[in-house]
Amino acid sequence: MKYRRILAAMTAFALMASACSCGKEEKEKTDNVENTTVQDVTSKTGSGEVTEKTTKKKNDENITEKSTEKSGESTTTANAGEKKSDAVATTATNSSTSNTPTAENNNNNNDNNNVEMDSAGDETGGGGDNSAEEKVYTAEIELGVSPKVKGTNVSVSGSIVTINAGGDFRFYGSVSDGQICVSTATEEKVTVVLDGVDISNSNGPAIFINEAKKCTIKSREGTVNYLSDGGNDKINNGVIFSNDTVRLKGNGELNITANNAHGIASDDDIIIDNGTYNINSKKSGLFAHDDITINEGWLNIKGGTNGIKSKGTLNINGGYTVISGGTKEDKSSIYSESSFSYTGGYIYAAGNRVSEPTYSEAPFIILDLGVTAAAGSNVEMLLNGQRMISFEPHNDFRCLLMIAPEVNNGSTFRANVNGEGKDFTVSRTDNIFRMN
């Protein structure tokens, strides 16, 4: 019996020792697995903030935070919490557009202390692959006889909507004898977003910028917008008229019919960054007392007098512009009272006259037909045997202009009017040709 008791005690002691050893090995194994997981994730995220000392649960939280921040969602969430109390949020649903933010868009967001997240892609404030992004505006306005406003910094009188402080304002709907008026006495930035509008005003401008140091008119991507005016206002004489510099941008389409005078007119500067513009005007399509700058965009201008007229400088840096001017003998498809600079893009013009560029990075071509061609004639311009453009000027014309990056010294240029034309050889400087 004593022997059996001693043997049982020894067996129990051995079992206890084995259990302690297994527990220590299992703990070390678990620790190693946890550390390995943390190290792998740390390596993938590229963050040095997750260490072996962090618990598994904490690691998961940090990984989520880092991943979210990297995709831009963390930043978006933080900004959304800082938006103004008077801002209005709407949900966009265009899933085919990139949500990548740009430096300019970020600057716009900072200027307005707003989150700008637009599925149309004009201004985005978030990242990731979300198909729907939130867009925040200071106010949203549905146009009509009695406009409906959701937001602040806007007042309404009849069918006239006045923006009286800075912010981003979305307009949609249609109205006859209505107007968008911008009147801010501060340096605050104003952005007017046209989201499928049809505005006509028989008594003056459809958009009147009375006072705004920083005003942008943007046609939202995927939308078609219509503006027209009337009356005989000799001062505020544009469908879009601004007393200050006006900037136009956006990847939508804007159609302008000027029954009074000019399509887009400014007492200061006109700057076009991008977008599509179809302008049919009684007088000039674009008219500025100071400077006109075209950076990018598609412009189709039919002017009653001049196509483009600048009393200051004209600067063409990009884009694709087709112009036909008016019928008066002293009017031009393009007129610049000061310098006319070309650094890029495509310009095709037909009119009675045209201003000669004072600086051009590519040889410019001006062709005097010698006789007046009738409105509706087919004009075809070719370079080295390749057709560059074919169009039909809406008014009688005598003079053609072409500037394009492909034009080089020694290029062969040909212009056909109703199928008849002549070849010319381009030189580095003097390319003012005559048909007859």
Protein backbone atom coordinates (compact mmCIF):
# COMPACT_ATOMS: atom_id res chain seq x y z
CA MET A 1 0.00 0.00 0.00
CA LYS A 2 2.78 2.42 0.88
CA TYR A 3 4.52 1.63 -2.39
CA ARG A 4 1.32 2.28 -4.34
CA ARG A 5 0.81 5.66 -2.60
CA ILE A 6 4.36 6.75 -3.43
CA LEU A 7 3.89 5.68 -7.09
CA ALA A 8 0.58 7.58 -7.36
CA ALA A 9 2.13 10.73 -5.92
CA MET A 10 5.01 10.58 -8.38
CA THR A 11 2.60 10.12 -11.30
CA ALA A 12 0.47 13.11 -10.20
CA PHE A 13 3.58 15.31 -9.89
CA ALA A 14 4.69 14.34 -13.42
CA LEU A 15 1.25 15.20 -14.85
CA MET A 16 1.26 18.61 -13.14
CA ALA A 17 4.71 19.44 -14.50
CA SER A 18 3.67 18.43 -18.02
CA ALA A 19 0.54 20.63 -17.85
CA CYS A 20 2.57 23.67 -16.77
CA SER A 21 5.02 23.13 -19.64
CA CYS A 22 2.20 22.84 -22.22
CA GLY A 23 0.53 26.01 -20.95
CA LYS A 24 3.78 27.99 -21.30
CA GLU A 25 4.36 26.71 -24.83
CA GLU A 26 0.75 27.51 -25.85
CA LYS A 27 1.08 31.07 -24.49
CA GLU A 28 4.37 31.59 -26.35
CA LYS A 29 2.80 30.21 -29.51
CA THR A 30 -0.20 32.53 -29.20
CA ASP A 31 2.05 35.55 -28.59
CA ASN A 32 4.11 34.68 -31.61
CA VAL A 33 1.02 34.38 -33.83
CA GLU A 34 -0.30 37.73 -32.62
CA ASN A 35 3.04 39.44 -33.15
CA THR A 36 3.42 37.92 -36.59
CA THR A 37 -0.03 39.21 -37.59
CA VAL A 38 0.76 42.69 -36.35
CA GLN A 39 4.10 42.78 -38.11
CA ASP A 40 2.56 41.62 -41.40
CA VAL A 41 -0.16 44.24 -41.29
CA THR A 42 2.31 46.92 -40.25
CA SER A 43 4.43 46.09 -43.24
CA LYS A 44 1.42 46.32 -45.60
CA THR A 45 0.11 49.59 -44.26
CA GLY A 46 3.54 51.17 -44.09
CA SER A 47 2.83 52.58 -40.64
CA GLY A 48 5.42 52.48 -37.87
CA GLU A 49 2.89 53.26 -35.16
CA VAL A 50 1.64 49.68 -34.70
CA THR A 51 4.07 47.72 -32.47
CA GLU A 52 4.31 44.30 -30.90
CA LYS A 53 3.24 45.74 -27.55
CA THR A 54 -0.21 46.62 -28.93
CA THR A 55 -2.98 44.14 -28.21
CA LYS A 56 -4.72 42.32 -31.04
CA LYS A 57 -7.95 44.29 -30.56
CA LYS A 58 -6.10 47.60 -30.53
CA ASN A 59 -4.17 46.54 -33.61
CA ASP A 60 -7.39 45.98 -35.52
CA GLU A 61 -8.66 49.41 -34.56
CA ASN A 62 -5.41 51.11 -35.62
CA ILE A 63 -5.34 49.24 -38.91
CA THR A 64 -8.89 50.37 -39.68
CA GLU A 65 -8.06 53.95 -38.82
CA LYS A 66 -4.91 53.96 -40.93
CA SER A 67 -6.61 52.32 -43.90
CA THR A 68 -9.51 54.74 -43.74
CA GLU A 69 -7.20 57.71 -43.48
CA LYS A 70 -5.18 56.51 -46.44
CA SER A 71 -8.27 56.21 -48.66
CA GLY A 72 -9.39 59.70 -47.74
CA GLU A 73 -12.49 58.57 -45.81
CA SER A 74 -11.11 59.59 -42.43
CA THR A 75 -10.32 63.07 -43.72
CA THR A 76 -13.77 63.33 -45.29
CA THR A 77 -15.43 62.37 -42.03
CA ALA A 78 -13.45 64.98 -40.13
CA ASN A 79 -14.25 67.71 -42.64
CA ALA A 80 -17.91 66.79 -42.68
CA GLY A 81 -18.01 67.42 -38.96
CA GLU A 82 -16.64 70.91 -39.50
CA LYS A 83 -19.13 72.04 -42.17
CA LYS A 84 -21.17 75.15 -41.57
CA SER A 85 -24.45 74.78 -39.78
CA ASP A 86 -26.20 76.63 -42.58
CA ALA A 87 -24.90 74.33 -45.30
CA VAL A 88 -27.25 72.06 -47.18
CA ALA A 89 -26.30 68.49 -48.06
CA THR A 90 -27.48 66.64 -51.12
CA THR A 91 -26.61 63.19 -52.43
CA ALA A 92 -25.12 62.71 -55.86
CA THR A 93 -25.53 59.39 -57.67
CA ASN A 94 -23.21 59.37 -60.65
CA SER A 95 -21.17 56.23 -60.09
CA SER A 96 -19.02 56.47 -63.21
CA THR A 97 -16.95 59.50 -62.18
CA SER A 98 -13.61 59.51 -60.41
CA ASN A 99 -13.57 60.90 -56.88
CA THR A 100 -9.91 61.88 -56.89
CA PRO A 101 -9.45 65.33 -55.30
CA THR A 102 -7.31 67.99 -56.96
CA ALA A 103 -5.23 70.77 -55.43
CA GLU A 104 -7.57 73.41 -56.82
CA ASN A 105 -10.60 71.61 -55.42
CA ASN A 106 -8.96 71.43 -52.01
CA ASN A 107 -8.31 75.17 -52.17
CA ASN A 108 -11.95 75.75 -53.02
CA ASN A 109 -13.00 73.70 -50.02
CA ASN A 110 -10.76 75.69 -47.71
CA ASP A 111 -11.97 79.01 -49.08
CA ASN A 112 -15.56 78.18 -48.24
CA ASN A 113 -15.02 76.06 -45.12
CA ASN A 114 -17.28 73.57 -46.85
CA VAL A 115 -17.01 69.96 -47.88
CA GLU A 116 -17.26 69.71 -51.67
CA MET A 117 -17.93 66.16 -52.81
CA ASP A 118 -19.44 66.02 -56.25
CA SER A 119 -20.03 62.83 -58.18
CA ALA A 120 -19.94 64.98 -61.28
CA GLY A 121 -16.22 65.28 -60.67
CA ASP A 122 -15.95 69.08 -60.76
CA GLU A 123 -14.98 69.32 -57.12
CA THR A 124 -14.45 66.38 -54.83
CA GLY A 125 -13.62 66.33 -51.17
CA GLY A 126 -13.31 62.61 -50.56
CA GLY A 127 -11.57 59.54 -51.86
CA GLY A 128 -12.26 55.87 -52.17
CA ASP A 129 -14.51 53.99 -54.55
CA ASN A 130 -17.86 55.17 -53.25
CA SER A 131 -20.42 55.41 -56.05
CA ALA A 132 -22.33 58.20 -54.30
CA GLU A 133 -20.67 61.15 -52.61
CA GLU A 134 -22.20 63.88 -50.52
CA LYS A 135 -22.09 67.43 -51.89
CA VAL A 136 -22.51 70.34 -49.52
CA TYR A 137 -23.80 73.71 -50.74
CA THR A 138 -24.44 76.93 -48.92
CA ALA A 139 -27.82 76.96 -50.64
CA GLU A 140 -29.75 75.04 -53.28
CA ILE A 141 -32.26 76.94 -55.36
CA GLU A 142 -35.02 75.60 -57.57
CA LEU A 143 -35.79 78.30 -60.12
CA GLY A 144 -39.30 79.32 -61.05
CA VAL A 145 -41.88 82.09 -60.72
CA SER A 146 -41.46 81.67 -56.96
CA PRO A 147 -37.97 80.20 -56.44
CA LYS A 148 -37.55 77.66 -53.65
CA VAL A 149 -34.46 78.10 -51.49
CA LYS A 150 -32.90 75.64 -49.11
CA GLY A 151 -29.96 77.24 -47.31
CA THR A 152 -28.61 80.68 -46.50
CA ASN A 153 -26.87 83.74 -48.00
CA VAL A 154 -29.65 84.08 -50.57
CA SER A 155 -32.62 86.43 -50.90
CA VAL A 156 -35.57 86.27 -53.30
CA SER A 157 -37.60 89.04 -54.90
CA GLY A 158 -40.16 87.76 -57.36
CA SER A 159 -38.28 85.48 -59.76
CA ILE A 160 -34.90 87.14 -59.05
CA VAL A 161 -32.53 85.26 -56.76
CA THR A 162 -29.74 87.32 -55.18
CA ILE A 163 -26.61 85.85 -53.61
CA ASN A 164 -25.50 88.28 -50.90
CA ALA A 165 -22.55 86.46 -49.28
CA GLY A 166 -19.88 83.94 -50.17
CA GLY A 167 -20.42 80.24 -50.67
CA ASP A 168 -21.38 77.56 -53.17
CA PHE A 169 -24.84 77.77 -54.70
CA ARG A 170 -26.57 75.13 -56.78
CA PHE A 171 -29.28 76.19 -59.23
CA TYR A 172 -31.66 73.94 -61.13
CA GLY A 173 -35.00 74.31 -62.91
CA SER A 174 -36.29 76.86 -65.40
CA VAL A 175 -37.70 80.37 -65.29
CA SER A 176 -38.89 83.04 -67.72
CA ASP A 177 -38.03 86.65 -66.87
CA GLY A 178 -35.87 85.48 -64.02
CA GLN A 179 -32.32 86.22 -62.98
CA ILE A 180 -29.44 85.07 -60.82
CA CYS A 181 -27.84 88.13 -59.24
CA VAL A 182 -24.56 88.11 -57.30
CA SER A 183 -24.01 91.08 -55.01
CA THR A 184 -21.36 90.61 -52.31
CA ALA A 185 -19.31 93.46 -50.87
CA THR A 186 -16.59 91.22 -49.45
CA GLU A 187 -13.65 89.21 -50.77
CA GLU A 188 -15.52 85.95 -50.18
CA LYS A 189 -15.56 83.47 -53.03
CA VAL A 190 -18.87 82.80 -54.79
CA THR A 191 -19.44 79.73 -56.96
CA VAL A 192 -22.63 79.50 -58.99
CA VAL A 193 -23.25 75.89 -60.03
CA LEU A 194 -25.63 75.44 -62.98
CA ASP A 195 -27.21 72.01 -62.68
CA GLY A 196 -29.57 71.84 -65.65
CA VAL A 197 -31.03 75.38 -65.76
CA ASP A 198 -33.03 77.24 -68.39
CA ILE A 199 -33.10 80.96 -67.62
CA SER A 200 -34.48 83.65 -69.91
CA ASN A 201 -34.78 87.32 -69.08
CA SER A 202 -36.47 89.67 -71.53
CA ASN A 203 -35.31 92.72 -69.56
CA GLY A 204 -31.60 92.10 -68.92
CA PRO A 205 -28.91 89.55 -68.07
CA ALA A 206 -29.81 86.03 -67.10
CA ILE A 207 -26.84 86.10 -64.70
CA PHE A 208 -25.85 89.51 -63.36
CA ILE A 209 -22.69 89.82 -61.24
CA ASN A 210 -23.22 93.21 -59.69
CA GLU A 211 -20.34 92.91 -57.22
CA ALA A 212 -18.15 89.93 -56.44
CA LYS A 213 -14.36 89.95 -56.29
CA LYS A 214 -14.15 86.17 -56.76
CA CYS A 215 -17.00 84.71 -58.78
CA THR A 216 -17.03 81.43 -60.69
CA ILE A 217 -19.84 80.12 -62.87
CA LYS A 218 -19.71 76.35 -63.21
CA SER A 219 -21.73 74.07 -65.47
CA ARG A 220 -21.98 70.76 -63.68
CA GLU A 221 -20.71 67.74 -65.56
CA GLY A 222 -23.37 65.84 -67.48
CA THR A 223 -25.79 68.79 -67.55
CA VAL A 224 -26.98 71.02 -70.39
CA ASN A 225 -27.80 74.62 -69.43
CA TYR A 226 -29.53 77.43 -71.33
CA LEU A 227 -29.30 81.20 -70.79
CA SER A 228 -30.83 84.01 -72.87
CA ASP A 229 -31.53 87.72 -72.49
CA GLY A 230 -33.47 90.55 -74.11
CA GLY A 231 -34.24 94.26 -73.81
CA ASN A 232 -31.88 97.07 -74.75
CA ASP A 233 -29.71 97.56 -71.66
CA LYS A 234 -26.57 99.31 -72.93
CA ILE A 235 -24.72 99.00 -69.60
CA ASN A 236 -25.41 95.49 -68.35
CA ASN A 237 -25.22 94.22 -71.90
CA GLY A 238 -24.49 90.50 -71.69
CA VAL A 239 -26.45 87.32 -71.07
CA ILE A 240 -23.81 86.85 -68.41
CA PHE A 241 -22.68 90.30 -67.35
CA SER A 242 -20.13 91.06 -64.65
CA ASN A 243 -18.82 94.30 -63.19
CA ASP A 244 -15.82 92.31 -61.93
CA THR A 245 -13.69 89.46 -63.22
CA VAL A 246 -15.73 86.34 -63.99
CA ARG A 247 -14.35 82.81 -64.29
CA LEU A 248 -16.16 80.00 -66.10
CA LYS A 249 -15.47 76.32 -65.64
CA GLY A 250 -17.07 72.91 -65.23
CA ASN A 251 -17.43 69.96 -67.57
CA GLY A 252 -21.06 70.59 -68.48
CA GLU A 253 -22.53 72.43 -71.47
CA LEU A 254 -23.68 76.05 -71.50
CA ASN A 255 -25.77 77.43 -74.38
CA ILE A 256 -26.05 81.22 -74.57
CA THR A 257 -28.36 83.25 -76.80
CA ALA A 258 -27.73 87.00 -76.67
CA ASN A 259 -30.66 89.01 -78.04
CA ASN A 260 -29.56 92.31 -76.47
CA ALA A 261 -25.80 92.53 -77.19
CA HIS A 262 -23.00 90.23 -75.98
CA GLY A 263 -22.92 86.61 -74.88
CA ILE A 264 -20.51 86.90 -71.94
CA ALA A 265 -19.42 90.44 -71.04
CA SER A 266 -17.25 91.84 -68.25
CA ASP A 267 -16.04 95.27 -67.20
CA ASP A 268 -12.89 93.47 -66.05
CA ASP A 269 -11.62 90.06 -67.17
CA ILE A 270 -13.15 86.88 -68.58
CA ILE A 271 -11.36 83.61 -67.79
CA ILE A 272 -12.49 80.28 -69.25
CA ASP A 273 -10.87 77.25 -67.62
CA ASN A 274 -12.86 74.42 -69.22
CA GLY A 275 -16.36 73.39 -70.29
CA THR A 276 -18.42 73.52 -73.49
CA TYR A 277 -19.87 76.85 -74.64
CA ASN A 278 -22.18 77.48 -77.59
CA ILE A 279 -22.69 81.23 -77.97
CA ASN A 280 -24.94 82.96 -80.50
CA SER A 281 -24.89 86.71 -79.99
CA LYS A 282 -26.26 89.89 -81.51
CA LYS A 283 -22.89 91.55 -80.90
CA SER A 284 -19.70 89.92 -79.58
CA GLY A 285 -19.71 86.39 -78.22
CA LEU A 286 -17.07 87.28 -75.61
CA PHE A 287 -16.49 90.92 -74.71
CA ALA A 288 -14.18 92.27 -71.99
CA HIS A 289 -13.02 95.77 -71.14
CA ASP A 290 -9.79 94.29 -69.80
CA ASP A 291 -8.46 90.82 -70.64
CA ILE A 292 -9.84 87.57 -72.06
CA THR A 293 -8.06 84.30 -71.24
CA ILE A 294 -8.99 80.85 -72.55
CA ASN A 295 -7.12 78.05 -70.79
CA GLU A 296 -9.15 75.04 -71.93
CA GLY A 297 -12.65 74.21 -73.12
CA TRP A 298 -14.72 73.85 -76.29
CA LEU A 299 -16.11 77.10 -77.67
CA ASN A 300 -18.39 77.55 -80.66
CA ILE A 301 -19.02 81.28 -81.10
CA LYS A 302 -21.27 82.99 -83.63
CA GLY A 303 -20.96 86.74 -83.25
CA GLY A 304 -23.14 89.40 -84.81
CA THR A 305 -20.28 91.91 -84.80
CA ASN A 306 -17.07 90.38 -83.40
CA GLY A 307 -16.67 86.80 -82.34
CA ILE A 308 -14.27 87.67 -79.51
CA LYS A 309 -13.47 91.26 -78.56
CA SER A 310 -11.00 92.33 -75.90
CA LYS A 311 -10.22 95.95 -75.11
CA GLY A 312 -7.20 94.66 -73.23
CA THR A 313 -5.26 91.50 -74.02
CA LEU A 314 -6.32 88.18 -75.50
CA ASN A 315 -4.56 85.05 -74.23
CA ILE A 316 -5.21 81.63 -75.77
CA ASN A 317 -3.48 78.91 -73.76
CA GLY A 318 -5.50 75.87 -74.77
CA GLY A 319 -8.90 74.57 -75.77
CA TYR A 320 -10.70 74.20 -79.07
CA THR A 321 -12.35 77.36 -80.39
CA VAL A 322 -14.37 77.87 -83.57
CA ILE A 323 -15.48 81.44 -84.31
CA SER A 324 -17.41 83.25 -87.00
CA GLY A 325 -17.77 87.01 -86.80
CA GLY A 326 -20.26 89.56 -87.98
CA THR A 327 -21.18 91.12 -91.30
CA LYS A 328 -19.96 94.68 -90.80
CA GLU A 329 -16.84 95.47 -92.79
CA ASP A 330 -14.86 96.80 -89.82
CA LYS A 331 -15.67 93.87 -87.52
CA SER A 332 -13.53 90.82 -86.83
CA SER A 333 -13.83 87.19 -85.91
CA ILE A 334 -11.14 87.96 -83.30
CA TYR A 335 -10.29 91.46 -82.13
CA SER A 336 -7.76 92.44 -79.49
CA GLU A 337 -7.02 96.08 -78.79
CA SER A 338 -3.77 95.20 -77.03
CA SER A 339 -1.64 92.03 -77.33
CA PHE A 340 -2.90 88.72 -78.71
CA SER A 341 -0.91 85.80 -77.29
CA TYR A 342 -1.15 82.14 -78.29
CA THR A 343 0.58 79.35 -76.34
CA GLY A 344 -1.59 76.31 -77.09
CA GLY A 345 -4.89 74.92 -78.26
CA TYR A 346 -6.79 75.19 -81.54
CA ILE A 347 -8.34 78.32 -83.07
CA TYR A 348 -10.34 78.41 -86.29
CA ALA A 349 -12.03 81.67 -87.29
CA ALA A 350 -13.93 83.24 -90.18
CA GLY A 351 -14.89 86.91 -90.45
CA ASN A 352 -14.32 90.10 -92.35
CA ARG A 353 -11.10 90.76 -90.44
CA VAL A 354 -8.99 89.21 -87.72
CA SER A 355 -6.39 90.55 -85.29
CA GLU A 356 -2.90 89.28 -85.99
CA PRO A 357 -1.27 87.52 -83.00
CA THR A 358 1.53 89.51 -81.40
CA TYR A 359 3.03 86.32 -79.95
CA SER A 360 2.49 82.74 -81.09
CA GLU A 361 4.34 79.56 -80.15
CA ALA A 362 3.21 78.01 -83.44
CA PRO A 363 3.13 79.77 -86.82
CA PHE A 364 -0.30 81.36 -87.32
CA ILE A 365 -2.08 81.32 -90.67
CA ILE A 366 -4.28 84.15 -91.94
CA LEU A 367 -5.89 83.87 -95.38
CA ASP A 368 -7.55 86.79 -97.19
CA LEU A 369 -9.96 85.37 -99.76
CA GLY A 370 -9.94 88.61 -101.74
CA VAL A 371 -13.73 88.48 -102.12
CA THR A 372 -16.60 88.05 -99.68
CA ALA A 373 -17.93 84.53 -99.32
CA ALA A 374 -21.57 84.00 -98.49
CA ALA A 375 -22.87 82.84 -95.14
CA GLY A 376 -23.34 79.10 -95.06
CA SER A 377 -20.41 78.41 -97.39
CA ASN A 378 -18.47 75.28 -96.55
CA VAL A 379 -14.97 76.04 -95.24
CA GLU A 380 -12.39 73.27 -95.08
CA MET A 381 -8.90 73.81 -93.66
CA LEU A 382 -6.17 71.27 -94.35
CA LEU A 383 -2.61 70.90 -93.03
CA ASN A 384 -0.17 68.65 -94.89
CA GLY A 385 -3.10 67.05 -96.67
CA GLN A 386 -5.00 66.28 -93.46
CA ARG A 387 -8.31 67.98 -92.80
CA MET A 388 -8.17 69.98 -89.59
CA ILE A 389 -11.74 71.31 -89.64
CA SER A 390 -14.81 71.73 -91.80
CA PHE A 391 -17.48 74.26 -90.80
CA GLU A 392 -20.03 76.72 -92.18
CA PRO A 393 -19.75 80.34 -90.97
CA HIS A 394 -23.14 81.78 -90.14
CA ASN A 395 -22.37 85.22 -91.67
CA ASP A 396 -20.63 86.53 -94.78
CA PHE A 397 -16.83 86.42 -94.41
CA ARG A 398 -13.61 87.28 -96.21
CA CYS A 399 -10.80 86.33 -93.83
CA LEU A 400 -9.82 82.95 -92.30
CA LEU A 401 -7.46 82.17 -89.40
CA MET A 402 -5.99 78.92 -88.16
CA ILE A 403 -3.56 78.32 -85.28
CA ALA A 404 -2.76 74.79 -84.10
CA PRO A 405 0.17 73.01 -82.41
CA GLU A 406 0.74 70.92 -85.56
CA VAL A 407 1.56 73.97 -87.71
CA ASN A 408 5.30 74.13 -88.36
CA ASN A 409 7.77 75.86 -90.62
CA GLY A 410 7.43 74.21 -94.04
CA SER A 411 3.91 72.85 -93.44
CA THR A 412 1.50 72.91 -96.36
CA PHE A 413 -1.76 74.74 -95.71
CA ARG A 414 -4.84 74.69 -97.88
CA ALA A 415 -8.25 76.29 -97.46
CA ASN A 416 -11.21 75.16 -99.56
CA VAL A 417 -14.31 77.33 -99.79
CA ASN A 418 -17.17 75.40 -101.37
CA GLY A 419 -14.60 72.96 -102.75
CA GLU A 420 -12.24 75.48 -104.33
CA GLY A 421 -8.90 76.39 -102.78
CA LYS A 422 -5.17 76.86 -103.03
CA ASP A 423 -2.04 75.49 -101.37
CA PHE A 424 0.39 77.62 -99.36
CA THR A 425 3.71 76.89 -97.66
CA VAL A 426 4.04 77.99 -94.06
CA SER A 427 7.12 79.92 -92.94
CA ARG A 428 8.34 80.77 -89.46
CA THR A 429 6.96 84.30 -89.40
CA ASP A 430 4.95 85.88 -92.21
CA ASN A 431 1.94 83.67 -93.00
CA ILE A 432 -0.62 86.17 -94.19
CA PHE A 433 -1.74 84.69 -97.48
CA ARG A 434 -4.07 85.91 -100.23
CA MET A 435 -6.19 83.62 -102.32
CA ASN A 436 -6.10 85.84 -105.44
